[in-house]
């Protein structure tokens, strides 16, 4: 991987981190408990609780991805960055551009 490709990936990671921070902030507002005395109807309340559950799942996944992106940012200058931890082949720059936190190539990720 060239230094220019690494710089492009670094920029992508930083942008993704900022986007995730904003998303996490928004989701944290959406998953606040729904008070029992809320003036919603019974079905509307159940729908709100279902939506809250979905938002909790997205929030959890966003936090995990944020941690992975931060770790990728710490690893980007290391020689093993962009090398698959399974087969030790280079991870394609296309994959790294889309999912810069990747530690496995497409083939190994499919087998995992």
Foldseek 3Di string as FASTA:
>chain_A
DDPVLLVLLLVLLVVLLVVLVVLLVVLVVLLDDDDPVPPDDPVVVVVSVVVSVVSVVVNVVSVVLSVLSVVLNVCSPPPQQQAAPPPRHGADSVVCNVRVSDNHHPVVVVVD
